[in-house]
Amino acid sequence: MGNTNIHWIAMSDKAIVEAIGAFLKHKRLNQNKTQSQIAQDAGLNRWTLSQIENGEAISMASFIQILRALDQLNIFDVFKIETQISPLELAKLEQQKRQRARNKKIDKKPDSNW
């Protein structure tokens, strides 16, 4: 599974599901766990786990449960949406930053009685 040069765009949906199943099986075996153990931890039946490992489609909810059981939810980090500031907005913010400090004027004169 060390090949990071997978061409996802060129792959069919079926081929992608098979690659995901192979990934899950690889992670499970690296953890030295049986399908039954992962299925129980995921709250699924073993047949569902067997399906995805054999390249069959399963529900997204089941996929997430399996990833959680394998402690692999970090793969969803790629879906994190980060707000980006345009270069123009950044330049405007930089201009608004304070450039120097000012002394506060302290009025030491006594109040006028008028």
PDB file of N, CA and C in Angstrom:
ATOM      1  N   MET A   1       0.819  -1.204   0.000  1.00  0.00           N
ATOM      2  CA  MET A   1       0.000   0.000   0.000  1.00  0.00           C
ATOM      3  C   MET A   1       0.858   1.260   0.000  1.00  0.00           C
ATOM      4  N   GLY A   2       2.141   1.147  -0.267  1.00  0.00           N
ATOM      5  CA  GLY A   2       3.025   2.289  -0.257  1.00  0.00           C
ATOM      6  C   GLY A   2       2.941   3.118  -1.520  1.00  0.00           C
ATOM      7  N   ASN A   3       2.194   2.669  -2.522  1.00  0.00           N
ATOM      8  CA  ASN A   3       2.109   3.391  -3.777  1.00  0.00           C
ATOM      9  C   ASN A   3       1.224   4.624  -3.602  1.00  0.00           C
ATOM     10  N   THR A   4       1.835   5.797  -3.665  1.00  0.00           N
ATOM     11  CA  THR A   4       1.073   7.034  -3.508  1.00  0.00           C
ATOM     12  C   THR A   4       0.746   7.656  -4.863  1.00  0.00           C
ATOM     13  N   ASN A   5       1.072   6.966  -5.944  1.00  0.00           N
ATOM     14  CA  ASN A   5       0.841   7.498  -7.281  1.00  0.00           C
ATOM     15  C   ASN A   5      -0.411   6.918  -7.923  1.00  0.00           C
ATOM     16  N   ILE A   6      -1.438   6.696  -7.135  1.00  0.00           N
ATOM     17  CA  ILE A   6      -2.692   6.171  -7.673  1.00  0.00           C
ATOM     18  C   ILE A   6      -3.381   7.288  -8.446  1.00  0.00           C
ATOM     19  N   HIS A   7      -3.849   6.968  -9.640  1.00  0.00           N
ATOM     20  CA  HIS A   7      -4.539   7.947 -10.480  1.00  0.00           C
ATOM     21  C   HIS A   7      -6.042   7.783 -10.269  1.00  0.00           C
ATOM     22  N   TRP A   8      -6.549   8.429  -9.225  1.00  0.00           N
ATOM     23  CA  TRP A   8      -7.945   8.265  -8.831  1.00  0.00           C
ATOM     24  C   TRP A   8      -8.909   8.675  -9.929  1.00  0.00           C
ATOM     25  N   ILE A   9      -8.579   9.707 -10.679  1.00  0.00           N
ATOM     26  CA  ILE A   9      -9.485  10.217 -11.710  1.00  0.00           C
ATOM     27  C   ILE A   9      -9.693   9.188 -12.812  1.00  0.00           C
ATOM     28  N   ALA A  10      -8.653   8.458 -13.142  1.00  0.00           N
ATOM     29  CA  ALA A  10      -8.739   7.470 -14.220  1.00  0.00           C
ATOM     30  C   ALA A  10      -9.444   6.188 -13.780  1.00  0.00           C
ATOM     31  N   MET A  11      -9.649   6.021 -12.478  1.00  0.00           N
ATOM     32  CA  MET A  11     -10.242   4.787 -11.966  1.00  0.00           C
ATOM     33  C   MET A  11     -11.764   4.819 -12.044  1.00  0.00           C
ATOM     34  N   SER A  12     -12.347   3.665 -12.264  1.00  0.00           N
ATOM     35  CA  SER A  12     -13.807   3.552 -12.229  1.00  0.00           C
ATOM     36  C   SER A  12     -14.257   3.590 -10.766  1.00  0.00           C
ATOM     37  N   ASP A  13     -15.532   3.821 -10.552  1.00  0.00           N
ATOM     38  CA  ASP A  13     -16.066   3.818  -9.190  1.00  0.00           C
ATOM     39  C   ASP A  13     -15.820   2.474  -8.518  1.00  0.00           C
ATOM     40  N   LYS A  14     -16.012   1.403  -9.256  1.00  0.00           N
ATOM     41  CA  LYS A  14     -15.796   0.052  -8.733  1.00  0.00           C
ATOM     42  C   LYS A  14     -14.335  -0.121  -8.303  1.00  0.00           C
ATOM     43  N   ALA A  15     -13.408   0.370  -9.109  1.00  0.00           N
ATOM     44  CA  ALA A  15     -11.984   0.253  -8.786  1.00  0.00           C
ATOM     45  C   ALA A  15     -11.640   1.059  -7.532  1.00  0.00           C
ATOM     46  N   ILE A  16     -12.280   2.207  -7.356  1.00  0.00           N
ATOM     47  CA  ILE A  16     -12.043   3.018  -6.158  1.00  0.00           C
ATOM     48  C   ILE A  16     -12.560   2.293  -4.926  1.00  0.00           C
ATOM     49  N   VAL A  17     -13.749   1.704  -5.019  1.00  0.00           N
ATOM     50  CA  VAL A  17     -14.306   0.934  -3.896  1.00  0.00           C
ATOM     51  C   VAL A  17     -13.379  -0.229  -3.563  1.00  0.00           C
ATOM     52  N   GLU A  18     -12.839  -0.883  -4.576  1.00  0.00           N
ATOM     53  CA  GLU A  18     -11.903  -1.989  -4.339  1.00  0.00           C
ATOM     54  C   GLU A  18     -10.637  -1.497  -3.638  1.00  0.00           C
ATOM     55  N   ALA A  19     -10.134  -0.325  -4.039  1.00  0.00           N
ATOM     56  CA  ALA A  19      -8.934   0.243  -3.412  1.00  0.00           C
ATOM     57  C   ALA A  19      -9.210   0.595  -1.950  1.00  0.00           C
ATOM     58  N   ILE A  20     -10.401   1.122  -1.677  1.00  0.00           N
ATOM     59  CA  ILE A  20     -10.774   1.447  -0.294  1.00  0.00           C
ATOM     60  C   ILE A  20     -10.857   0.166   0.528  1.00  0.00           C
ATOM     61  N   GLY A  21     -11.467  -0.864  -0.033  1.00  0.00           N
ATOM     62  CA  GLY A  21     -11.560  -2.147   0.658  1.00  0.00           C
ATOM     63  C   GLY A  21     -10.187  -2.728   0.951  1.00  0.00           C
ATOM     64  N   ALA A  22      -9.269  -2.620  -0.006  1.00  0.00           N
ATOM     65  CA  ALA A  22      -7.906  -3.119   0.195  1.00  0.00           C
ATOM     66  C   ALA A  22      -7.202  -2.331   1.292  1.00  0.00           C
ATOM     67  N   PHE A  23      -7.446  -1.018   1.333  1.00  0.00           N
ATOM     68  CA  PHE A  23      -6.867  -0.170   2.377  1.00  0.00           C
ATOM     69  C   PHE A  23      -7.356  -0.618   3.760  1.00  0.00           C
ATOM     70  N   LEU A  24      -8.665  -0.822   3.881  1.00  0.00           N
ATOM     71  CA  LEU A  24      -9.239  -1.229   5.162  1.00  0.00           C
ATOM     72  C   LEU A  24      -8.698  -2.592   5.604  1.00  0.00           C
ATOM     73  N   LYS A  25      -8.611  -3.504   4.659  1.00  0.00           N
ATOM     74  CA  LYS A  25      -8.095  -4.839   4.985  1.00  0.00           C
ATOM     75  C   LYS A  25      -6.631  -4.740   5.431  1.00  0.00           C
ATOM     76  N   HIS A  26      -5.852  -3.942   4.719  1.00  0.00           N
ATOM     77  CA  HIS A  26      -4.435  -3.742   5.059  1.00  0.00           C
ATOM     78  C   HIS A  26      -4.299  -3.182   6.481  1.00  0.00           C
ATOM     79  N   LYS A  27      -5.089  -2.181   6.815  1.00  0.00           N
ATOM     80  CA  LYS A  27      -5.032  -1.578   8.150  1.00  0.00           C
ATOM     81  C   LYS A  27      -5.457  -2.587   9.212  1.00  0.00           C
ATOM     82  N   ARG A  28      -6.483  -3.345   8.918  1.00  0.00           N
ATOM     83  CA  ARG A  28      -6.964  -4.355   9.871  1.00  0.00           C
ATOM     84  C   ARG A  28      -5.888  -5.399  10.143  1.00  0.00           C
ATOM     85  N   LEU A  29      -5.270  -5.908   9.083  1.00  0.00           N
ATOM     86  CA  LEU A  29      -4.245  -6.930   9.240  1.00  0.00           C
ATOM     87  C   LEU A  29      -3.000  -6.381   9.944  1.00  0.00           C
ATOM     88  N   ASN A  30      -2.653  -5.115   9.676  1.00  0.00           N
ATOM     89  CA  ASN A  30      -1.514  -4.489  10.375  1.00  0.00           C
ATOM     90  C   ASN A  30      -1.775  -4.388  11.874  1.00  0.00           C
ATOM     91  N   GLN A  31      -3.044  -4.272  12.241  1.00  0.00           N
ATOM     92  CA  GLN A  31      -3.406  -4.216  13.661  1.00  0.00           C
ATOM     93  C   GLN A  31      -3.615  -5.618  14.235  1.00  0.00           C
ATOM     94  N   ASN A  32      -3.424  -6.635  13.389  1.00  0.00           N
ATOM     95  CA  ASN A  32      -3.564  -8.028  13.797  1.00  0.00           C
ATOM     96  C   ASN A  32      -4.942  -8.303  14.403  1.00  0.00           C
ATOM     97  N   LYS A  33      -5.971  -7.801  13.720  1.00  0.00           N
ATOM     98  CA  LYS A  33      -7.342  -7.995  14.181  1.00  0.00           C
ATOM     99  C   LYS A  33      -8.129  -8.775  13.140  1.00  0.00           C
ATOM    100  N   THR A  34      -9.080  -9.554  13.615  1.00  0.00           N
ATOM    101  CA  THR A  34      -9.946 -10.323  12.719  1.00  0.00           C
ATOM    102  C   THR A  34     -11.091  -9.439  12.234  1.00  0.00           C
ATOM    103  N   GLN A  35     -11.739  -9.895  11.178  1.00  0.00           N
ATOM    104  CA  GLN A  35     -12.929  -9.190  10.701  1.00  0.00           C
ATOM    105  C   GLN A  35     -13.975  -9.118  11.799  1.00  0.00           C
ATOM    106  N   SER A  36     -14.116 -10.186  12.555  1.00  0.00           N
ATOM    107  CA  SER A  36     -15.115 -10.220  13.631  1.00  0.00           C
ATOM    108  C   SER A  36     -14.809  -9.172  14.696  1.00  0.00           C
ATOM    109  N   GLN A  37     -13.533  -9.014  15.046  1.00  0.00           N
ATOM    110  CA  GLN A  37     -13.162  -8.019  16.065  1.00  0.00           C
ATOM    111  C   GLN A  37     -13.488  -6.607  15.596  1.00  0.00           C
ATOM    112  N   ILE A  38     -13.099  -6.281  14.366  1.00  0.00           N
ATOM    113  CA  ILE A  38     -13.363  -4.939  13.842  1.00  0.00           C
ATOM    114  C   ILE A  38     -14.867  -4.718  13.688  1.00  0.00           C
ATOM    115  N   ALA A  39     -15.567  -5.719  13.189  1.00  0.00           N
ATOM    116  CA  ALA A  39     -17.020  -5.591  13.024  1.00  0.00           C
ATOM    117  C   ALA A  39     -17.690  -5.339  14.365  1.00  0.00           C
ATOM    118  N   GLN A  40     -17.260  -6.049  15.389  1.00  0.00           N
ATOM    119  CA  GLN A  40     -17.849  -5.858  16.719  1.00  0.00           C
ATOM    120  C   GLN A  40     -17.533  -4.454  17.228  1.00  0.00           C
ATOM    121  N   ASP A  41     -16.280  -4.013  17.082  1.00  0.00           N
ATOM    122  CA  ASP A  41     -15.904  -2.665  17.520  1.00  0.00           C
ATOM    123  C   ASP A  41     -16.672  -1.584  16.757  1.00  0.00           C
ATOM    124  N   ALA A  42     -16.982  -1.869  15.493  1.00  0.00           N
ATOM    125  CA  ALA A  42     -17.698  -0.904  14.654  1.00  0.00           C
ATOM    126  C   ALA A  42     -19.206  -0.981  14.841  1.00  0.00           C
ATOM    127  N   GLY A  43     -19.682  -2.009  15.532  1.00  0.00           N
ATOM    128  CA  GLY A  43     -21.127  -2.174  15.706  1.00  0.00           C
ATOM    129  C   GLY A  43     -21.799  -2.676  14.447  1.00  0.00           C
ATOM    130  N   LEU A  44     -21.069  -3.433  13.635  1.00  0.00           N
ATOM    131  CA  LEU A  44     -21.587  -3.973  12.378  1.00  0.00           C
ATOM    132  C   LEU A  44     -21.495  -5.489  12.413  1.00  0.00           C
ATOM    133  N   ASN A  45     -22.090  -6.128  11.413  1.00  0.00           N
ATOM    134  CA  ASN A  45     -21.871  -7.566  11.323  1.00  0.00           C
ATOM    135  C   ASN A  45     -20.646  -7.821  10.440  1.00  0.00           C
ATOM    136  N   ARG A  46     -20.052  -8.963  10.600  1.00  0.00           N
ATOM    137  CA  ARG A  46     -18.819  -9.294   9.888  1.00  0.00           C
ATOM    138  C   ARG A  46     -19.027  -9.302   8.389  1.00  0.00           C
ATOM    139  N   TRP A  47     -20.213  -9.647   7.950  1.00  0.00           N
ATOM    140  CA  TRP A  47     -20.525  -9.700   6.523  1.00  0.00           C
ATOM    141  C   TRP A  47     -20.327  -8.329   5.869  1.00  0.00           C
ATOM    142  N   THR A  48     -20.709  -7.258   6.554  1.00  0.00           N
ATOM    143  CA  THR A  48     -20.553  -5.907   6.012  1.00  0.00           C
ATOM    144  C   THR A  48     -19.070  -5.591   5.810  1.00  0.00           C
ATOM    145  N   LEU A  49     -18.259  -5.922   6.798  1.00  0.00           N
ATOM    146  CA  LEU A  49     -16.820  -5.684   6.675  1.00  0.00           C
ATOM    147  C   LEU A  49     -16.240  -6.537   5.545  1.00  0.00           C
ATOM    148  N   SER A  50     -16.689  -7.753   5.447  1.00  0.00           N
ATOM    149  CA  SER A  50     -16.230  -8.647   4.381  1.00  0.00           C
ATOM    150  C   SER A  50     -16.595  -8.073   3.013  1.00  0.00           C
ATOM    151  N   GLN A  51     -17.772  -7.498   2.908  1.00  0.00           N
ATOM    152  CA  GLN A  51     -18.222  -6.896   1.645  1.00  0.00           C
ATOM    153  C   GLN A  51     -17.249  -5.835   1.167  1.00  0.00           C
ATOM    154  N   ILE A  52     -16.928  -4.854   2.033  1.00  0.00           N
ATOM    155  CA  ILE A  52     -16.059  -3.762   1.603  1.00  0.00           C
ATOM    156  C   ILE A  52     -14.650  -4.270   1.314  1.00  0.00           C
ATOM    157  N   GLU A  53     -14.163  -5.200   2.114  1.00  0.00           N
ATOM    158  CA  GLU A  53     -12.824  -5.736   1.866  1.00  0.00           C
ATOM    159  C   GLU A  53     -12.755  -6.506   0.550  1.00  0.00           C
ATOM    160  N   ASN A  54     -13.896  -7.016   0.093  1.00  0.00           N
ATOM    161  CA  ASN A  54     -13.946  -7.742  -1.175  1.00  0.00           C
ATOM    162  C   ASN A  54     -14.355  -6.840  -2.343  1.00  0.00           C
ATOM    163  N   GLY A  55     -14.368  -5.535  -2.121  1.00  0.00           N
ATOM    164  CA  GLY A  55     -14.620  -4.593  -3.211  1.00  0.00           C
ATOM    165  C   GLY A  55     -16.068  -4.288  -3.482  1.00  0.00           C
ATOM    166  N   GLU A  56     -16.948  -4.609  -2.551  1.00  0.00           N
ATOM    167  CA  GLU A  56     -18.366  -4.295  -2.703  1.00  0.00           C
ATOM    168  C   GLU A  56     -18.671  -2.990  -1.974  1.00  0.00           C
ATOM    169  N   ALA A  57     -19.620  -2.241  -2.489  1.00  0.00           N
ATOM    170  CA  ALA A  57     -19.990  -0.958  -1.893  1.00  0.00           C
ATOM    171  C   ALA A  57     -20.784  -1.179  -0.610  1.00  0.00           C
ATOM    172  N   ILE A  58     -20.553  -0.305   0.361  1.00  0.00           N
ATOM    173  CA  ILE A  58     -21.325  -0.302   1.606  1.00  0.00           C
ATOM    174  C   ILE A  58     -21.775   1.130   1.859  1.00  0.00           C
ATOM    175  N   SER A  59     -22.571   1.333   2.884  1.00  0.00           N
ATOM    176  CA  SER A  59     -23.053   2.685   3.172  1.00  0.00           C
ATOM    177  C   SER A  59     -21.920   3.538   3.748  1.00  0.00           C
ATOM    178  N   MET A  60     -22.061   4.834   3.602  1.00  0.00           N
ATOM    179  CA  MET A  60     -21.074   5.767   4.148  1.00  0.00           C
ATOM    180  C   MET A  60     -21.010   5.642   5.667  1.00  0.00           C
ATOM    181  N   ALA A  61     -22.157   5.448   6.305  1.00  0.00           N
ATOM    182  CA  ALA A  61     -22.185   5.310   7.766  1.00  0.00           C
ATOM    183  C   ALA A  61     -21.380   4.088   8.206  1.00  0.00           C
ATOM    184  N   SER A  62     -21.531   2.980   7.493  1.00  0.00           N
ATOM    185  CA  SER A  62     -20.769   1.774   7.828  1.00  0.00           C
ATOM    186  C   SER A  62     -19.280   2.006   7.611  1.00  0.00           C
ATOM    187  N   PHE A  63     -18.940   2.701   6.544  1.00  0.00           N
ATOM    188  CA  PHE A  63     -17.541   3.030   6.250  1.00  0.00           C
ATOM    189  C   PHE A  63     -16.928   3.844   7.391  1.00  0.00           C
ATOM    190  N   ILE A  64     -17.664   4.833   7.872  1.00  0.00           N
ATOM    191  CA  ILE A  64     -17.179   5.667   8.975  1.00  0.00           C
ATOM    192  C   ILE A  64     -17.019   4.830  10.242  1.00  0.00           C
ATOM    193  N   GLN A  65     -17.953   3.940  10.513  1.00  0.00           N
ATOM    194  CA  GLN A  65     -17.866   3.082  11.691  1.00  0.00           C
ATOM    195  C   GLN A  65     -16.623   2.178  11.625  1.00  0.00           C
ATOM    196  N   ILE A  66     -16.330   1.673  10.433  1.00  0.00           N
ATOM    197  CA  ILE A  66     -15.138   0.831  10.263  1.00  0.00           C
ATOM    198  C   ILE A  66     -13.871   1.651  10.463  1.00  0.00           C
ATOM    199  N   LEU A  67     -13.830   2.842   9.878  1.00  0.00           N
ATOM    200  CA  LEU A  67     -12.664   3.712  10.072  1.00  0.00           C
ATOM    201  C   LEU A  67     -12.463   4.043  11.546  1.00  0.00           C
ATOM    202  N   ARG A  68     -13.557   4.284  12.259  1.00  0.00           N
ATOM    203  CA  ARG A  68     -13.465   4.582  13.686  1.00  0.00           C
ATOM    204  C   ARG A  68     -12.894   3.382  14.446  1.00  0.00           C
ATOM    205  N   ALA A  69     -13.371   2.197  14.123  1.00  0.00           N
ATOM    206  CA  ALA A  69     -12.884   0.984  14.787  1.00  0.00           C
ATOM    207  C   ALA A  69     -11.402   0.744  14.499  1.00  0.00           C
ATOM    208  N   LEU A  70     -10.952   1.159  13.316  1.00  0.00           N
ATOM    209  CA  LEU A  70      -9.546   1.003  12.939  1.00  0.00           C
ATOM    210  C   LEU A  70      -8.688   2.197  13.367  1.00  0.00           C
ATOM    211  N   ASP A  71      -9.318   3.184  14.027  1.00  0.00           N
ATOM    212  CA  ASP A  71      -8.636   4.417  14.437  1.00  0.00           C
ATOM    213  C   ASP A  71      -8.012   5.123  13.231  1.00  0.00           C
ATOM    214  N   GLN A  72      -8.808   5.253  12.178  1.00  0.00           N
ATOM    215  CA  GLN A  72      -8.333   5.862  10.936  1.00  0.00           C
ATOM    216  C   GLN A  72      -9.185   7.061  10.500  1.00  0.00           C
ATOM    217  N   LEU A  73      -9.910   7.668  11.423  1.00  0.00           N
ATOM    218  CA  LEU A  73     -10.753   8.812  11.060  1.00  0.00           C
ATOM    219  C   LEU A  73      -9.945  10.014  10.580  1.00  0.00           C
ATOM    220  N   ASN A  74      -8.642  10.001  10.841  1.00  0.00           N
ATOM    221  CA  ASN A  74      -7.790  11.111  10.412  1.00  0.00           C
ATOM    222  C   ASN A  74      -7.754  11.259   8.886  1.00  0.00           C
ATOM    223  N   ILE A  75      -8.178  10.241   8.142  1.00  0.00           N
ATOM    224  CA  ILE A  75      -8.172  10.393   6.688  1.00  0.00           C
ATOM    225  C   ILE A  75      -9.166  11.458   6.227  1.00  0.00           C
ATOM    226  N   PHE A  76     -10.083  11.832   7.115  1.00  0.00           N
ATOM    227  CA  PHE A  76     -11.054  12.873   6.762  1.00  0.00           C
ATOM    228  C   PHE A  76     -10.481  14.279   6.915  1.00  0.00           C
ATOM    229  N   ASP A  77      -9.240  14.399   7.343  1.00  0.00           N
ATOM    230  CA  ASP A  77      -8.599  15.712   7.463  1.00  0.00           C
ATOM    231  C   ASP A  77      -8.577  16.456   6.126  1.00  0.00           C
ATOM    232  N   VAL A  78      -8.545  15.727   5.031  1.00  0.00           N
ATOM    233  CA  VAL A  78      -8.502  16.370   3.717  1.00  0.00           C
ATOM    234  C   VAL A  78      -9.803  17.108   3.404  1.00  0.00           C
ATOM    235  N   PHE A  79     -10.856  16.819   4.147  1.00  0.00           N
ATOM    236  CA  PHE A  79     -12.144  17.471   3.905  1.00  0.00           C
ATOM    237  C   PHE A  79     -12.335  18.746   4.728  1.00  0.00           C
ATOM    238  N   LYS A  80     -11.359  19.074   5.564  1.00  0.00           N
ATOM    239  CA  LYS A  80     -11.471  20.260   6.405  1.00  0.00           C
ATOM    240  C   LYS A  80     -11.462  21.513   5.535  1.00  0.00           C
ATOM    241  N   ILE A  81     -12.429  22.381   5.776  1.00  0.00           N
ATOM    242  CA  ILE A  81     -12.543  23.619   5.021  1.00  0.00           C
ATOM    243  C   ILE A  81     -11.887  24.730   5.831  1.00  0.00           C
ATOM    244  N   GLU A  82     -10.920  25.368   5.220  1.00  0.00           N
ATOM    245  CA  GLU A  82     -10.233  26.469   5.887  1.00  0.00           C
ATOM    246  C   GLU A  82     -10.515  27.760   5.131  1.00  0.00           C
ATOM    247  N   THR A  83     -10.850  28.777   5.885  1.00  0.00           N
ATOM    248  CA  THR A  83     -11.111  30.066   5.280  1.00  0.00           C
ATOM    249  C   THR A  83      -9.792  30.680   4.839  1.00  0.00           C
ATOM    250  N   GLN A  84      -9.763  31.129   3.600  1.00  0.00           N
ATOM    251  CA  GLN A  84      -8.556  31.743   3.078  1.00  0.00           C
ATOM    252  C   GLN A  84      -8.820  33.214   2.798  1.00  0.00           C
ATOM    253  N   ILE A  85      -7.862  34.025   3.161  1.00  0.00           N
ATOM    254  CA  ILE A  85      -7.980  35.466   2.925  1.00  0.00           C
ATOM    255  C   ILE A  85      -7.266  35.781   1.616  1.00  0.00           C
ATOM    256  N   SER A  86      -7.932  36.554   0.779  1.00  0.00           N
ATOM    257  CA  SER A  86      -7.321  36.932  -0.493  1.00  0.00           C
ATOM    258  C   SER A  86      -6.139  37.865  -0.223  1.00  0.00           C
ATOM    259  N   PRO A  87      -5.192  37.928  -1.134  1.00  0.00           N
ATOM    260  CA  PRO A  87      -4.048  38.820  -0.949  1.00  0.00           C
ATOM    261  C   PRO A  87      -4.452  40.284  -0.759  1.00  0.00           C
ATOM    262  N   LEU A  88      -5.532  40.712  -1.430  1.00  0.00           N
ATOM    263  CA  LEU A  88      -5.988  42.096  -1.265  1.00  0.00           C
ATOM    264  C   LEU A  88      -6.523  42.335   0.141  1.00  0.00           C
ATOM    265  N   GLU A  89      -7.319  41.389   0.654  1.00  0.00           N
ATOM    266  CA  GLU A  89      -7.844  41.513   2.014  1.00  0.00           C
ATOM    267  C   GLU A  89      -6.708  41.509   3.027  1.00  0.00           C
ATOM    268  N   LEU A  90      -5.707  40.669   2.806  1.00  0.00           N
ATOM    269  CA  LEU A  90      -4.560  40.602   3.698  1.00  0.00           C
ATOM    270  C   LEU A  90      -3.812  41.931   3.703  1.00  0.00           C
ATOM    271  N   ALA A  91      -3.654  42.532   2.536  1.00  0.00           N
ATOM    272  CA  ALA A  91      -2.971  43.826   2.441  1.00  0.00           C
ATOM    273  C   ALA A  91      -3.757  44.905   3.187  1.00  0.00           C
ATOM    274  N   LYS A  92      -5.086  44.872   3.073  1.00  0.00           N
ATOM    275  CA  LYS A  92      -5.921  45.839   3.791  1.00  0.00           C
ATOM    276  C   LYS A  92      -5.771  45.670   5.298  1.00  0.00           C
ATOM    277  N   LEU A  93      -5.755  44.430   5.757  1.00  0.00           N
ATOM    278  CA  LEU A  93      -5.585  44.167   7.187  1.00  0.00           C
ATOM    279  C   LEU A  93      -4.218  44.634   7.675  1.00  0.00           C
ATOM    280  N   GLU A  94      -3.204  44.441   6.854  1.00  0.00           N
ATOM    281  CA  GLU A  94      -1.860  44.887   7.224  1.00  0.00           C
ATOM    282  C   GLU A  94      -1.812  46.406   7.354  1.00  0.00           C
ATOM    283  N   GLN A  95      -2.526  47.126   6.479  1.00  0.00           N
ATOM    284  CA  GLN A  95      -2.555  48.585   6.544  1.00  0.00           C
ATOM    285  C   GLN A  95      -3.264  49.072   7.800  1.00  0.00           C
ATOM    286  N   GLN A  96      -4.226  48.308   8.271  1.00  0.00           N
ATOM    287  CA  GLN A  96      -4.995  48.716   9.439  1.00  0.00           C
ATOM    288  C   GLN A  96      -4.252  48.448  10.738  1.00  0.00           C
ATOM    289  N   LYS A  97      -3.162  47.698  10.690  1.00  0.00           N
ATOM    290  CA  LYS A  97      -2.414  47.407  11.906  1.00  0.00           C
ATOM    291  C   LYS A  97      -1.782  48.679  12.437  1.00  0.00           C
ATOM    292  N   ARG A  98      -1.703  48.751  13.706  1.00  0.00           N
ATOM    293  CA  ARG A  98      -1.113  49.893  14.372  1.00  0.00           C
ATOM    294  C   ARG A  98       0.372  49.957  14.048  1.00  0.00           C
ATOM    295  N   GLN A  99       0.851  51.133  13.668  1.00  0.00           N
ATOM    296  CA  GLN A  99       2.241  51.294  13.267  1.00  0.00           C
ATOM    297  C   GLN A  99       3.123  51.823  14.399  1.00  0.00           C
ATOM    298  N   ARG A 100       2.554  52.588  15.317  1.00  0.00           N
ATOM    299  CA  ARG A 100       3.334  53.122  16.433  1.00  0.00           C
ATOM    300  C   ARG A 100       2.442  53.343  17.642  1.00  0.00           C
ATOM    301  N   ALA A 101       3.089  53.444  18.761  1.00  0.00           N
ATOM    302  CA  ALA A 101       2.366  53.675  20.015  1.00  0.00           C
ATOM    303  C   ALA A 101       2.274  55.174  20.266  1.00  0.00           C
ATOM    304  N   ARG A 102       1.247  55.563  20.957  1.00  0.00           N
ATOM    305  CA  ARG A 102       1.067  56.976  21.326  1.00  0.00           C
ATOM    306  C   ARG A 102       0.979  57.073  22.832  1.00  0.00           C
ATOM    307  N   ASN A 103       1.521  58.155  23.357  1.00  0.00           N
ATOM    308  CA  ASN A 103       1.377  58.422  24.786  1.00  0.00           C
ATOM    309  C   ASN A 103      -0.028  58.926  25.037  1.00  0.00           C
ATOM    310  N   LYS A 104      -0.605  58.437  26.091  1.00  0.00           N
ATOM    311  CA  LYS A 104      -1.915  58.947  26.467  1.00  0.00           C
ATOM    312  C   LYS A 104      -1.695  60.288  27.142  1.00  0.00           C
ATOM    313  N   LYS A 105      -2.485  61.280  26.753  1.00  0.00           N
ATOM    314  CA  LYS A 105      -2.368  62.595  27.368  1.00  0.00           C
ATOM    315  C   LYS A 105      -3.053  62.563  28.722  1.00  0.00           C
ATOM    316  N   ILE A 106      -2.310  62.936  29.733  1.00  0.00           N
ATOM    317  CA  ILE A 106      -2.854  62.989  31.077  1.00  0.00           C
ATOM    318  C   ILE A 106      -2.996  64.456  31.429  1.00  0.00           C
ATOM    319  N   ASP A 107      -4.217  64.861  31.677  1.00  0.00           N
ATOM    320  CA  ASP A 107      -4.493  66.258  31.995  1.00  0.00           C
ATOM    321  C   ASP A 107      -4.188  66.489  33.466  1.00  0.00           C
ATOM    322  N   LYS A 108      -3.073  67.212  33.746  1.00  0.00           N
ATOM    323  CA  LYS A 108      -2.660  67.454  35.122  1.00  0.00           C
ATOM    324  C   LYS A 108      -3.137  68.822  35.623  1.00  0.00           C
ATOM    325  N   LYS A 109      -3.884  69.546  34.792  1.00  0.00           N
ATOM    326  CA  LYS A 109      -4.372  70.852  35.223  1.00  0.00           C
ATOM    327  C   LYS A 109      -5.555  70.692  36.154  1.00  0.00           C
ATOM    328  N   PRO A 110      -5.639  71.530  37.166  1.00  0.00           N
ATOM    329  CA  PRO A 110      -6.813  71.450  38.073  1.00  0.00           C
ATOM    330  C   PRO A 110      -8.070  71.891  37.323  1.00  0.00           C
ATOM    331  N   ASP A 111      -9.175  71.324  37.731  1.00  0.00           N
ATOM    332  CA  ASP A 111     -10.461  71.680  37.110  1.00  0.00           C
ATOM    333  C   ASP A 111     -10.751  73.166  37.303  1.00  0.00           C
ATOM    334  N   SER A 112     -11.316  73.772  36.298  1.00  0.00           N
ATOM    335  CA  SER A 112     -11.692  75.185  36.373  1.00  0.00           C
ATOM    336  C   SER A 112     -12.969  75.339  37.186  1.00  0.00           C
ATOM    337  N   ASN A 113     -13.094  76.391  37.931  1.00  0.00           N
ATOM    338  CA  ASN A 113     -14.264  76.602  38.758  1.00  0.00           C
ATOM    339  C   ASN A 113     -15.313  77.472  38.090  1.00  0.00           C
ATOM    340  N   TRP A 114     -15.264  77.755  36.934  1.00  0.00           N
ATOM    341  CA  TRP A 114     -16.230  78.624  36.307  1.00  0.00           C
ATOM    342  C   TRP A 114     -17.533  77.963  36.146  1.00  0.00           C
TER     343      TRP A 114
END
